[in-house]
Amino acid sequence: MTTVKLIVAYPQPTDVEAFEKAYQEEHVPLAIRNLQGMTKIVATKIVASPQGVPTFYRMAEVHFPSMQALEHCAGSEGGKATLANAMKISSGGPPAIMIAEEDTSRF
């Protein structure tokens, strides 16, 4: 089954504690409230890399049932406000924003 998702990859923050506070207390509730049509959010904290300090500190994957649903959400006022907040809290530079198709196999 193929689904689509919006991926937000946050670079290493200048202040991890401040970023985590803003992410958990401000951004996640905003995203849950504003991102209409999403089916789930997967939040990942990057803890290590065999290549040294990881480029990214955190990734958020916001899943949608279709590209149309993702595009509708991204164009909405809530989607725009949530993206603006992601930019605001990302103290290590702008986050990378990507749209992906995901094929899932379960074993």
PDB file of N, CA and C in Angstrom:
ATOM      1  N   MET A   1       0.826  -1.174   0.000  1.00  0.00           N
ATOM      2  CA  MET A   1       0.000   0.000   0.000  1.00  0.00           C
ATOM      3  C   MET A   1       0.879   1.249   0.000  1.00  0.00           C
ATOM      4  N   THR A   2       0.564   2.204  -0.859  1.00  0.00           N
ATOM      5  CA  THR A   2       1.333   3.432  -0.948  1.00  0.00           C
ATOM      6  C   THR A   2       0.550   4.574  -0.291  1.00  0.00           C
ATOM      7  N   THR A   3       1.226   5.305   0.581  1.00  0.00           N
ATOM      8  CA  THR A   3       0.659   6.510   1.178  1.00  0.00           C
ATOM      9  C   THR A   3       1.633   7.651   0.928  1.00  0.00           C
ATOM     10  N   VAL A   4       1.212   8.856   1.238  1.00  0.00           N
ATOM     11  CA  VAL A   4       2.099  10.007   1.083  1.00  0.00           C
ATOM     12  C   VAL A   4       2.323  10.643   2.447  1.00  0.00           C
ATOM     13  N   LYS A   5       3.448  11.303   2.546  1.00  0.00           N
ATOM     14  CA  LYS A   5       3.761  11.969   3.805  1.00  0.00           C
ATOM     15  C   LYS A   5       4.590  13.212   3.556  1.00  0.00           C
ATOM     16  N   LEU A   6       4.430  14.138   4.466  1.00  0.00           N
ATOM     17  CA  LEU A   6       5.238  15.343   4.523  1.00  0.00           C
ATOM     18  C   LEU A   6       6.303  15.086   5.569  1.00  0.00           C
ATOM     19  N   ILE A   7       7.559  15.280   5.205  1.00  0.00           N
ATOM     20  CA  ILE A   7       8.669  15.053   6.133  1.00  0.00           C
ATOM     21  C   ILE A   7       9.304  16.406   6.448  1.00  0.00           C
ATOM     22  N   VAL A   8       9.473  16.660   7.736  1.00  0.00           N
ATOM     23  CA  VAL A   8      10.168  17.869   8.191  1.00  0.00           C
ATOM     24  C   VAL A   8      11.380  17.395   8.971  1.00  0.00           C
ATOM     25  N   ALA A   9      12.576  17.723   8.479  1.00  0.00           N
ATOM     26  CA  ALA A   9      13.828  17.310   9.131  1.00  0.00           C
ATOM     27  C   ALA A   9      14.491  18.555   9.716  1.00  0.00           C
ATOM     28  N   TYR A  10      14.592  18.572  11.042  1.00  0.00           N
ATOM     29  CA  TYR A  10      15.153  19.719  11.752  1.00  0.00           C
ATOM     30  C   TYR A  10      16.655  19.545  11.947  1.00  0.00           C
ATOM     31  N   PRO A  11      17.461  20.559  11.590  1.00  0.00           N
ATOM     32  CA  PRO A  11      18.900  20.481  11.847  1.00  0.00           C
ATOM     33  C   PRO A  11      19.195  20.538  13.344  1.00  0.00           C
ATOM     34  N   GLN A  12      20.421  20.231  13.708  1.00  0.00           N
ATOM     35  CA  GLN A  12      20.835  20.288  15.115  1.00  0.00           C
ATOM     36  C   GLN A  12      20.523  21.674  15.677  1.00  0.00           C
ATOM     37  N   PRO A  13      19.747  21.765  16.750  1.00  0.00           N
ATOM     38  CA  PRO A  13      19.403  23.083  17.309  1.00  0.00           C
ATOM     39  C   PRO A  13      20.577  23.702  18.065  1.00  0.00           C
ATOM     40  N   THR A  14      20.543  25.015  18.179  1.00  0.00           N
ATOM     41  CA  THR A  14      21.587  25.694  18.948  1.00  0.00           C
ATOM     42  C   THR A  14      21.402  25.456  20.443  1.00  0.00           C
ATOM     43  N   ASP A  15      20.169  25.208  20.864  1.00  0.00           N
ATOM     44  CA  ASP A  15      19.858  24.928  22.265  1.00  0.00           C
ATOM     45  C   ASP A  15      18.836  23.787  22.283  1.00  0.00           C
ATOM     46  N   VAL A  16      19.304  22.573  22.545  1.00  0.00           N
ATOM     47  CA  VAL A  16      18.455  21.382  22.497  1.00  0.00           C
ATOM     48  C   VAL A  16      17.276  21.491  23.461  1.00  0.00           C
ATOM     49  N   GLU A  17      17.534  21.929  24.676  1.00  0.00           N
ATOM     50  CA  GLU A  17      16.473  22.012  25.680  1.00  0.00           C
ATOM     51  C   GLU A  17      15.374  22.988  25.246  1.00  0.00           C
ATOM     52  N   ALA A  18      15.757  24.138  24.728  1.00  0.00           N
ATOM     53  CA  ALA A  18      14.776  25.128  24.275  1.00  0.00           C
ATOM     54  C   ALA A  18      13.996  24.602  23.070  1.00  0.00           C
ATOM     55  N   PHE A  19      14.700  23.929  22.149  1.00  0.00           N
ATOM     56  CA  PHE A  19      14.018  23.360  20.984  1.00  0.00           C
ATOM     57  C   PHE A  19      12.996  22.316  21.416  1.00  0.00           C
ATOM     58  N   GLU A  20      13.402  21.399  22.291  1.00  0.00           N
ATOM     59  CA  GLU A  20      12.494  20.339  22.749  1.00  0.00           C
ATOM     60  C   GLU A  20      11.261  20.918  23.426  1.00  0.00           C
ATOM     61  N   LYS A  21      11.454  21.941  24.236  1.00  0.00           N
ATOM     62  CA  LYS A  21      10.324  22.582  24.913  1.00  0.00           C
ATOM     63  C   LYS A  21       9.365  23.177  23.888  1.00  0.00           C
ATOM     64  N   ALA A  22       9.888  23.926  22.928  1.00  0.00           N
ATOM     65  CA  ALA A  22       9.048  24.534  21.892  1.00  0.00           C
ATOM     66  C   ALA A  22       8.390  23.463  21.021  1.00  0.00           C
ATOM     67  N   TYR A  23       9.128  22.420  20.691  1.00  0.00           N
ATOM     68  CA  TYR A  23       8.599  21.355  19.834  1.00  0.00           C
ATOM     69  C   TYR A  23       7.455  20.621  20.536  1.00  0.00           C
ATOM     70  N   GLN A  24       7.687  20.190  21.782  1.00  0.00           N
ATOM     71  CA  GLN A  24       6.708  19.384  22.506  1.00  0.00           C
ATOM     72  C   GLN A  24       5.505  20.200  22.983  1.00  0.00           C
ATOM     73  N   GLU A  25       5.749  21.401  23.481  1.00  0.00           N
ATOM     74  CA  GLU A  25       4.683  22.174  24.114  1.00  0.00           C
ATOM     75  C   GLU A  25       3.955  23.125  23.167  1.00  0.00           C
ATOM     76  N   GLU A  26       4.612  23.504  22.084  1.00  0.00           N
ATOM     77  CA  GLU A  26       4.029  24.482  21.160  1.00  0.00           C
ATOM     78  C   GLU A  26       3.714  23.856  19.804  1.00  0.00           C
ATOM     79  N   HIS A  27       4.731  23.250  19.186  1.00  0.00           N
ATOM     80  CA  HIS A  27       4.579  22.823  17.801  1.00  0.00           C
ATOM     81  C   HIS A  27       3.697  21.583  17.634  1.00  0.00           C
ATOM     82  N   VAL A  28       3.938  20.545  18.415  1.00  0.00           N
ATOM     83  CA  VAL A  28       3.144  19.314  18.265  1.00  0.00           C
ATOM     84  C   VAL A  28       1.654  19.583  18.502  1.00  0.00           C
ATOM     85  N   PRO A  29       1.263  20.289  19.581  1.00  0.00           N
ATOM     86  CA  PRO A  29      -0.168  20.577  19.738  1.00  0.00           C
ATOM     87  C   PRO A  29      -0.741  21.403  18.577  1.00  0.00           C
ATOM     88  N   LEU A  30       0.048  22.341  18.060  1.00  0.00           N
ATOM     89  CA  LEU A  30      -0.380  23.149  16.917  1.00  0.00           C
ATOM     90  C   LEU A  30      -0.609  22.259  15.704  1.00  0.00           C
ATOM     91  N   ALA A  31       0.311  21.353  15.439  1.00  0.00           N
ATOM     92  CA  ALA A  31       0.189  20.444  14.298  1.00  0.00           C
ATOM     93  C   ALA A  31      -1.043  19.550  14.444  1.00  0.00           C
ATOM     94  N   ILE A  32      -1.252  18.998  15.621  1.00  0.00           N
ATOM     95  CA  ILE A  32      -2.413  18.125  15.844  1.00  0.00           C
ATOM     96  C   ILE A  32      -3.709  18.901  15.617  1.00  0.00           C
ATOM     97  N   ARG A  33      -3.749  20.119  16.064  1.00  0.00           N
ATOM     98  CA  ARG A  33      -4.942  20.959  15.929  1.00  0.00           C
ATOM     99  C   ARG A  33      -5.165  21.420  14.484  1.00  0.00           C
ATOM    100  N   ASN A  34      -4.087  21.722  13.754  1.00  0.00           N
ATOM    101  CA  ASN A  34      -4.209  22.400  12.464  1.00  0.00           C
ATOM    102  C   ASN A  34      -4.130  21.524  11.217  1.00  0.00           C
ATOM    103  N   LEU A  35      -3.495  20.384  11.290  1.00  0.00           N
ATOM    104  CA  LEU A  35      -3.230  19.612  10.073  1.00  0.00           C
ATOM    105  C   LEU A  35      -4.401  18.677   9.760  1.00  0.00           C
ATOM    106  N   GLN A  36      -5.395  19.247   9.084  1.00  0.00           N
ATOM    107  CA  GLN A  36      -6.602  18.511   8.731  1.00  0.00           C
ATOM    108  C   GLN A  36      -6.315  17.463   7.660  1.00  0.00           C
ATOM    109  N   GLY A  37      -6.875  16.280   7.840  1.00  0.00           N
ATOM    110  CA  GLY A  37      -6.739  15.218   6.845  1.00  0.00           C
ATOM    111  C   GLY A  37      -5.594  14.263   7.095  1.00  0.00           C
ATOM    112  N   MET A  38      -4.732  14.564   8.050  1.00  0.00           N
ATOM    113  CA  MET A  38      -3.617  13.649   8.324  1.00  0.00           C
ATOM    114  C   MET A  38      -4.145  12.380   8.985  1.00  0.00           C
ATOM    115  N   THR A  39      -3.408  11.299   8.793  1.00  0.00           N
ATOM    116  CA  THR A  39      -3.806  10.030   9.407  1.00  0.00           C
ATOM    117  C   THR A  39      -2.914   9.660  10.583  1.00  0.00           C
ATOM    118  N   LYS A  40      -1.679  10.158  10.603  1.00  0.00           N
ATOM    119  CA  LYS A  40      -0.799   9.946  11.750  1.00  0.00           C
ATOM    120  C   LYS A  40       0.414  10.847  11.644  1.00  0.00           C
ATOM    121  N   ILE A  41       1.067  11.038  12.780  1.00  0.00           N
ATOM    122  CA  ILE A  41       2.341  11.747  12.844  1.00  0.00           C
ATOM    123  C   ILE A  41       3.345  10.800  13.489  1.00  0.00           C
ATOM    124  N   VAL A  42       4.511  10.673  12.869  1.00  0.00           N
ATOM    125  CA  VAL A  42       5.607   9.899  13.446  1.00  0.00           C
ATOM    126  C   VAL A  42       6.732  10.886  13.743  1.00  0.00           C
ATOM    127  N   ALA A  43       7.083  11.024  15.012  1.00  0.00           N
ATOM    128  CA  ALA A  43       8.148  11.942  15.427  1.00  0.00           C
ATOM    129  C   ALA A  43       9.369  11.107  15.815  1.00  0.00           C
ATOM    130  N   THR A  44      10.502  11.435  15.235  1.00  0.00           N
ATOM    131  CA  THR A  44      11.730  10.678  15.449  1.00  0.00           C
ATOM    132  C   THR A  44      12.832  11.611  15.916  1.00  0.00           C
ATOM    133  N   LYS A  45      13.546  11.197  16.960  1.00  0.00           N
ATOM    134  CA  LYS A  45      14.723  11.935  17.411  1.00  0.00           C
ATOM    135  C   LYS A  45      15.945  11.139  16.970  1.00  0.00           C
ATOM    136  N   ILE A  46      16.844  11.768  16.221  1.00  0.00           N
ATOM    137  CA  ILE A  46      18.057  11.117  15.727  1.00  0.00           C
ATOM    138  C   ILE A  46      19.069  11.130  16.865  1.00  0.00           C
ATOM    139  N   VAL A  47      19.516   9.958  17.305  1.00  0.00           N
ATOM    140  CA  VAL A  47      20.399   9.898  18.471  1.00  0.00           C
ATOM    141  C   VAL A  47      21.871   9.659  18.128  1.00  0.00           C
ATOM    142  N   ALA A  48      22.148   9.121  16.944  1.00  0.00           N
ATOM    143  CA  ALA A  48      23.548   8.852  16.592  1.00  0.00           C
ATOM    144  C   ALA A  48      23.654   8.598  15.094  1.00  0.00           C
ATOM    145  N   SER A  49      24.884   8.650  14.615  1.00  0.00           N
ATOM    146  CA  SER A  49      25.188   8.320  13.225  1.00  0.00           C
ATOM    147  C   SER A  49      26.603   7.755  13.167  1.00  0.00           C
ATOM    148  N   PRO A  50      26.830   6.710  12.377  1.00  0.00           N
ATOM    149  CA  PRO A  50      28.193   6.203  12.238  1.00  0.00           C
ATOM    150  C   PRO A  50      29.102   7.191  11.500  1.00  0.00           C
ATOM    151  N   GLN A  51      28.512   8.260  10.955  1.00  0.00           N
ATOM    152  CA  GLN A  51      29.279   9.270  10.231  1.00  0.00           C
ATOM    153  C   GLN A  51      29.630  10.476  11.103  1.00  0.00           C
ATOM    154  N   GLY A  52      29.372  10.385  12.410  1.00  0.00           N
ATOM    155  CA  GLY A  52      29.666  11.505  13.310  1.00  0.00           C
ATOM    156  C   GLY A  52      28.385  12.155  13.781  1.00  0.00           C
ATOM    157  N   VAL A  53      28.431  13.452  14.018  1.00  0.00           N
ATOM    158  CA  VAL A  53      27.258  14.179  14.479  1.00  0.00           C
ATOM    159  C   VAL A  53      26.208  14.151  13.369  1.00  0.00           C
ATOM    160  N   PRO A  54      25.001  13.680  13.677  1.00  0.00           N
ATOM    161  CA  PRO A  54      23.956  13.625  12.644  1.00  0.00           C
ATOM    162  C   PRO A  54      23.623  15.018  12.110  1.00  0.00           C
ATOM    163  N   THR A  55      23.349  15.104  10.828  1.00  0.00           N
ATOM    164  CA  THR A  55      22.955  16.367  10.211  1.00  0.00           C
ATOM    165  C   THR A  55      21.645  16.867  10.803  1.00  0.00           C
ATOM    166  N   PHE A  56      20.729  15.929  11.041  1.00  0.00           N
ATOM    167  CA  PHE A  56      19.419  16.296  11.553  1.00  0.00           C
ATOM    168  C   PHE A  56      19.262  15.826  12.992  1.00  0.00           C
ATOM    169  N   TYR A  57      18.518  16.613  13.759  1.00  0.00           N
ATOM    170  CA  TYR A  57      18.258  16.300  15.161  1.00  0.00           C
ATOM    171  C   TYR A  57      16.923  15.566  15.328  1.00  0.00           C
ATOM    172  N   ARG A  58      15.924  15.996  14.572  1.00  0.00           N
ATOM    173  CA  ARG A  58      14.592  15.440  14.684  1.00  0.00           C
ATOM    174  C   ARG A  58      13.939  15.406  13.315  1.00  0.00           C
ATOM    175  N   MET A  59      13.079  14.411  13.121  1.00  0.00           N
ATOM    176  CA  MET A  59      12.274  14.323  11.901  1.00  0.00           C
ATOM    177  C   MET A  59      10.828  14.114  12.296  1.00  0.00           C
ATOM    178  N   ALA A  60       9.945  14.774  11.584  1.00  0.00           N
ATOM    179  CA  ALA A  60       8.515  14.548  11.760  1.00  0.00           C
ATOM    180  C   ALA A  60       7.958  14.095  10.421  1.00  0.00           C
ATOM    181  N   GLU A  61       7.193  13.013  10.450  1.00  0.00           N
ATOM    182  CA  GLU A  61       6.536  12.510   9.247  1.00  0.00           C
ATOM    183  C   GLU A  61       5.033  12.620   9.469  1.00  0.00           C
ATOM    184  N   VAL A  62       4.386  13.411   8.617  1.00  0.00           N
ATOM    185  CA  VAL A  62       2.942  13.613   8.711  1.00  0.00           C
ATOM    186  C   VAL A  62       2.314  12.865   7.536  1.00  0.00           C
ATOM    187  N   HIS A  63       1.551  11.829   7.845  1.00  0.00           N
ATOM    188  CA  HIS A  63       0.987  10.935   6.835  1.00  0.00           C
ATOM    189  C   HIS A  63      -0.406  11.395   6.395  1.00  0.00           C
ATOM    190  N   PHE A  64      -0.681  11.194   5.107  1.00  0.00           N
ATOM    191  CA  PHE A  64      -1.965  11.536   4.507  1.00  0.00           C
ATOM    192  C   PHE A  64      -2.423  10.386   3.617  1.00  0.00           C
ATOM    193  N   PRO A  65      -3.738  10.239   3.416  1.00  0.00           N
ATOM    194  CA  PRO A  65      -4.236   9.143   2.593  1.00  0.00           C
ATOM    195  C   PRO A  65      -4.000   9.344   1.096  1.00  0.00           C
ATOM    196  N   SER A  66      -3.733  10.594   0.676  1.00  0.00           N
ATOM    197  CA  SER A  66      -3.517  10.864  -0.749  1.00  0.00           C
ATOM    198  C   SER A  66      -2.724  12.156  -0.912  1.00  0.00           C
ATOM    199  N   MET A  67      -2.168  12.322  -2.104  1.00  0.00           N
ATOM    200  CA  MET A  67      -1.455  13.563  -2.418  1.00  0.00           C
ATOM    201  C   MET A  67      -2.426  14.739  -2.385  1.00  0.00           C
ATOM    202  N   GLN A  68      -3.639  14.511  -2.828  1.00  0.00           N
ATOM    203  CA  GLN A  68      -4.653  15.570  -2.814  1.00  0.00           C
ATOM    204  C   GLN A  68      -4.918  16.048  -1.379  1.00  0.00           C
ATOM    205  N   ALA A  69      -5.018  15.118  -0.439  1.00  0.00           N
ATOM    206  CA  ALA A  69      -5.247  15.484   0.961  1.00  0.00           C
ATOM    207  C   ALA A  69      -4.057  16.267   1.515  1.00  0.00           C
ATOM    208  N   LEU A  70      -2.831  15.844   1.183  1.00  0.00           N
ATOM    209  CA  LEU A  70      -1.632  16.558   1.639  1.00  0.00           C
ATOM    210  C   LEU A  70      -1.618  17.974   1.067  1.00  0.00           C
ATOM    211  N   GLU A  71      -1.885  18.105  -0.226  1.00  0.00           N
ATOM    212  CA  GLU A  71      -1.864  19.415  -0.873  1.00  0.00           C
ATOM    213  C   GLU A  71      -2.939  20.327  -0.295  1.00  0.00           C
ATOM    214  N   HIS A  72      -4.107  19.773  -0.027  1.00  0.00           N
ATOM    215  CA  HIS A  72      -5.192  20.570   0.563  1.00  0.00           C
ATOM    216  C   HIS A  72      -4.766  21.084   1.942  1.00  0.00           C
ATOM    217  N   CYS A  73      -4.190  20.214   2.751  1.00  0.00           N
ATOM    218  CA  CYS A  73      -3.732  20.599   4.081  1.00  0.00           C
ATOM    219  C   CYS A  73      -2.630  21.658   3.997  1.00  0.00           C
ATOM    220  N   ALA A  74      -1.665  21.440   3.122  1.00  0.00           N
ATOM    221  CA  ALA A  74      -0.532  22.374   2.997  1.00  0.00           C
ATOM    222  C   ALA A  74      -0.991  23.761   2.560  1.00  0.00           C
ATOM    223  N   GLY A  75      -2.052  23.829   1.765  1.00  0.00           N
ATOM    224  CA  GLY A  75      -2.560  25.111   1.291  1.00  0.00           C
ATOM    225  C   GLY A  75      -3.507  25.799   2.249  1.00  0.00           C
ATOM    226  N   SER A  76      -3.908  25.110   3.307  1.00  0.00           N
ATOM    227  CA  SER A  76      -4.858  25.675   4.259  1.00  0.00           C
ATOM    228  C   SER A  76      -4.162  26.656   5.198  1.00  0.00           C
ATOM    229  N   GLU A  77      -4.950  27.498   5.854  1.00  0.00           N
ATOM    230  CA  GLU A  77      -4.394  28.434   6.837  1.00  0.00           C
ATOM    231  C   GLU A  77      -3.692  27.682   7.961  1.00  0.00           C
ATOM    232  N   GLY A  78      -4.297  26.579   8.428  1.00  0.00           N
ATOM    233  CA  GLY A  78      -3.679  25.777   9.490  1.00  0.00           C
ATOM    234  C   GLY A  78      -2.367  25.163   9.062  1.00  0.00           C
ATOM    235  N   GLY A  79      -2.313  24.689   7.825  1.00  0.00           N
ATOM    236  CA  GLY A  79      -1.067  24.125   7.301  1.00  0.00           C
ATOM    237  C   GLY A  79       0.029  25.170   7.199  1.00  0.00           C
ATOM    238  N   LYS A  80      -0.333  26.336   6.710  1.00  0.00           N
ATOM    239  CA  LYS A  80       0.648  27.423   6.581  1.00  0.00           C
ATOM    240  C   LYS A  80       1.145  27.883   7.953  1.00  0.00           C
ATOM    241  N   ALA A  81       0.225  27.979   8.922  1.00  0.00           N
ATOM    242  CA  ALA A  81       0.613  28.404  10.265  1.00  0.00           C
ATOM    243  C   ALA A  81       1.543  27.386  10.920  1.00  0.00           C
ATOM    244  N   THR A  82       1.266  26.113  10.700  1.00  0.00           N
ATOM    245  CA  THR A  82       2.101  25.058  11.282  1.00  0.00           C
ATOM    246  C   THR A  82       3.492  25.070  10.657  1.00  0.00           C
ATOM    247  N   LEU A  83       3.575  25.241   9.352  1.00  0.00           N
ATOM    248  CA  LEU A  83       4.875  25.319   8.690  1.00  0.00           C
ATOM    249  C   LEU A  83       5.656  26.545   9.157  1.00  0.00           C
ATOM    250  N   ALA A  84       4.982  27.670   9.306  1.00  0.00           N
ATOM    251  CA  ALA A  84       5.656  28.882   9.796  1.00  0.00           C
ATOM    252  C   ALA A  84       6.201  28.652  11.206  1.00  0.00           C
ATOM    253  N   ASN A  85       5.456  27.926  12.028  1.00  0.00           N
ATOM    254  CA  ASN A  85       5.922  27.637  13.374  1.00  0.00           C
ATOM    255  C   ASN A  85       7.125  26.702  13.339  1.00  0.00           C
ATOM    256  N   ALA A  86       7.133  25.729  12.424  1.00  0.00           N
ATOM    257  CA  ALA A  86       8.290  24.831  12.283  1.00  0.00           C
ATOM    258  C   ALA A  86       9.544  25.639  11.956  1.00  0.00           C
ATOM    259  N   MET A  87       9.408  26.626  11.088  1.00  0.00           N
ATOM    260  CA  MET A  87      10.536  27.485  10.734  1.00  0.00           C
ATOM    261  C   MET A  87      10.991  28.287  11.953  1.00  0.00           C
ATOM    262  N   LYS A  88      10.028  28.788  12.727  1.00  0.00           N
ATOM    263  CA  LYS A  88      10.330  29.636  13.879  1.00  0.00           C
ATOM    264  C   LYS A  88      11.098  28.882  14.960  1.00  0.00           C
ATOM    265  N   ILE A  89      10.722  27.636  15.234  1.00  0.00           N
ATOM    266  CA  ILE A  89      11.360  26.909  16.338  1.00  0.00           C
ATOM    267  C   ILE A  89      12.683  26.263  15.939  1.00  0.00           C
ATOM    268  N   SER A  90      12.992  26.219  14.650  1.00  0.00           N
ATOM    269  CA  SER A  90      14.200  25.536  14.169  1.00  0.00           C
ATOM    270  C   SER A  90      15.414  26.450  14.303  1.00  0.00           C
ATOM    271  N   SER A  91      16.046  26.433  15.473  1.00  0.00           N
ATOM    272  CA  SER A  91      17.137  27.358  15.781  1.00  0.00           C
ATOM    273  C   SER A  91      18.446  27.030  15.072  1.00  0.00           C
ATOM    274  N   GLY A  92      18.591  25.837  14.543  1.00  0.00           N
ATOM    275  CA  GLY A  92      19.830  25.444  13.869  1.00  0.00           C
ATOM    276  C   GLY A  92      19.838  25.723  12.380  1.00  0.00           C
ATOM    277  N   GLY A  93      18.843  26.459  11.911  1.00  0.00           N
ATOM    278  CA  GLY A  93      18.689  26.740  10.489  1.00  0.00           C
ATOM    279  C   GLY A  93      17.336  26.222  10.035  1.00  0.00           C
ATOM    280  N   PRO A  94      16.965  26.536   8.795  1.00  0.00           N
ATOM    281  CA  PRO A  94      15.645  26.110   8.330  1.00  0.00           C
ATOM    282  C   PRO A  94      15.559  24.584   8.215  1.00  0.00           C
ATOM    283  N   PRO A  95      14.407  24.019   8.562  1.00  0.00           N
ATOM    284  CA  PRO A  95      14.251  22.575   8.409  1.00  0.00           C
ATOM    285  C   PRO A  95      14.128  22.207   6.930  1.00  0.00           C
ATOM    286  N   ALA A  96      14.521  20.994   6.601  1.00  0.00           N
ATOM    287  CA  ALA A  96      14.321  20.467   5.250  1.00  0.00           C
ATOM    288  C   ALA A  96      12.885  19.959   5.175  1.00  0.00           C
ATOM    289  N   ILE A  97      12.163  20.359   4.140  1.00  0.00           N
ATOM    290  CA  ILE A  97      10.778  19.955   3.938  1.00  0.00           C
ATOM    291  C   ILE A  97      10.738  19.069   2.698  1.00  0.00           C
ATOM    292  N   MET A  98      10.183  17.873   2.846  1.00  0.00           N
ATOM    293  CA  MET A  98      10.131  16.921   1.735  1.00  0.00           C
ATOM    294  C   MET A  98       8.752  16.274   1.673  1.00  0.00           C
ATOM    295  N   ILE A  99       8.348  15.890   0.470  1.00  0.00           N
ATOM    296  CA  ILE A  99       7.119  15.129   0.270  1.00  0.00           C
ATOM    297  C   ILE A  99       7.544  13.785  -0.300  1.00  0.00           C
ATOM    298  N   ALA A 100       7.004  12.709   0.284  1.00  0.00           N
ATOM    299  CA  ALA A 100       7.441  11.366  -0.117  1.00  0.00           C
ATOM    300  C   ALA A 100       6.248  10.440  -0.274  1.00  0.00           C
ATOM    301  N   GLU A 101       6.427   9.422  -1.103  1.00  0.00           N
ATOM    302  CA  GLU A 101       5.501   8.305  -1.174  1.00  0.00           C
ATOM    303  C   GLU A 101       6.123   7.180  -0.379  1.00  0.00           C
ATOM    304  N   GLU A 102       5.311   6.484   0.382  1.00  0.00           N
ATOM    305  CA  GLU A 102       5.811   5.398   1.209  1.00  0.00           C
ATOM    306  C   GLU A 102       5.123   4.093   0.823  1.00  0.00           C
ATOM    307  N   ASP A 103       5.913   3.097   0.523  1.00  0.00           N
ATOM    308  CA  ASP A 103       5.416   1.744   0.298  1.00  0.00           C
ATOM    309  C   ASP A 103       5.750   0.936   1.536  1.00  0.00           C
ATOM    310  N   THR A 104       4.769   0.315   2.120  1.00  0.00           N
ATOM    311  CA  THR A 104       4.981  -0.428   3.353  1.00  0.00           C
ATOM    312  C   THR A 104       4.789  -1.917   3.119  1.00  0.00           C
ATOM    313  N   SER A 105       5.732  -2.701   3.596  1.00  0.00           N
ATOM    314  CA  SER A 105       5.612  -4.164   3.601  1.00  0.00           C
ATOM    315  C   SER A 105       5.629  -4.594   5.045  1.00  0.00           C
ATOM    316  N   ARG A 106       4.717  -5.436   5.422  1.00  0.00           N
ATOM    317  CA  ARG A 106       4.678  -5.948   6.805  1.00  0.00           C
ATOM    318  C   ARG A 106       5.039  -7.408   6.804  1.00  0.00           C
ATOM    319  N   PHE A 107       5.830  -7.811   7.818  1.00  0.00           N
ATOM    320  CA  PHE A 107       6.279  -9.190   7.911  1.00  0.00           C
ATOM    321  C   PHE A 107       5.853  -9.783   9.241  1.00  0.00           C
TER     322      PHE A 107
END
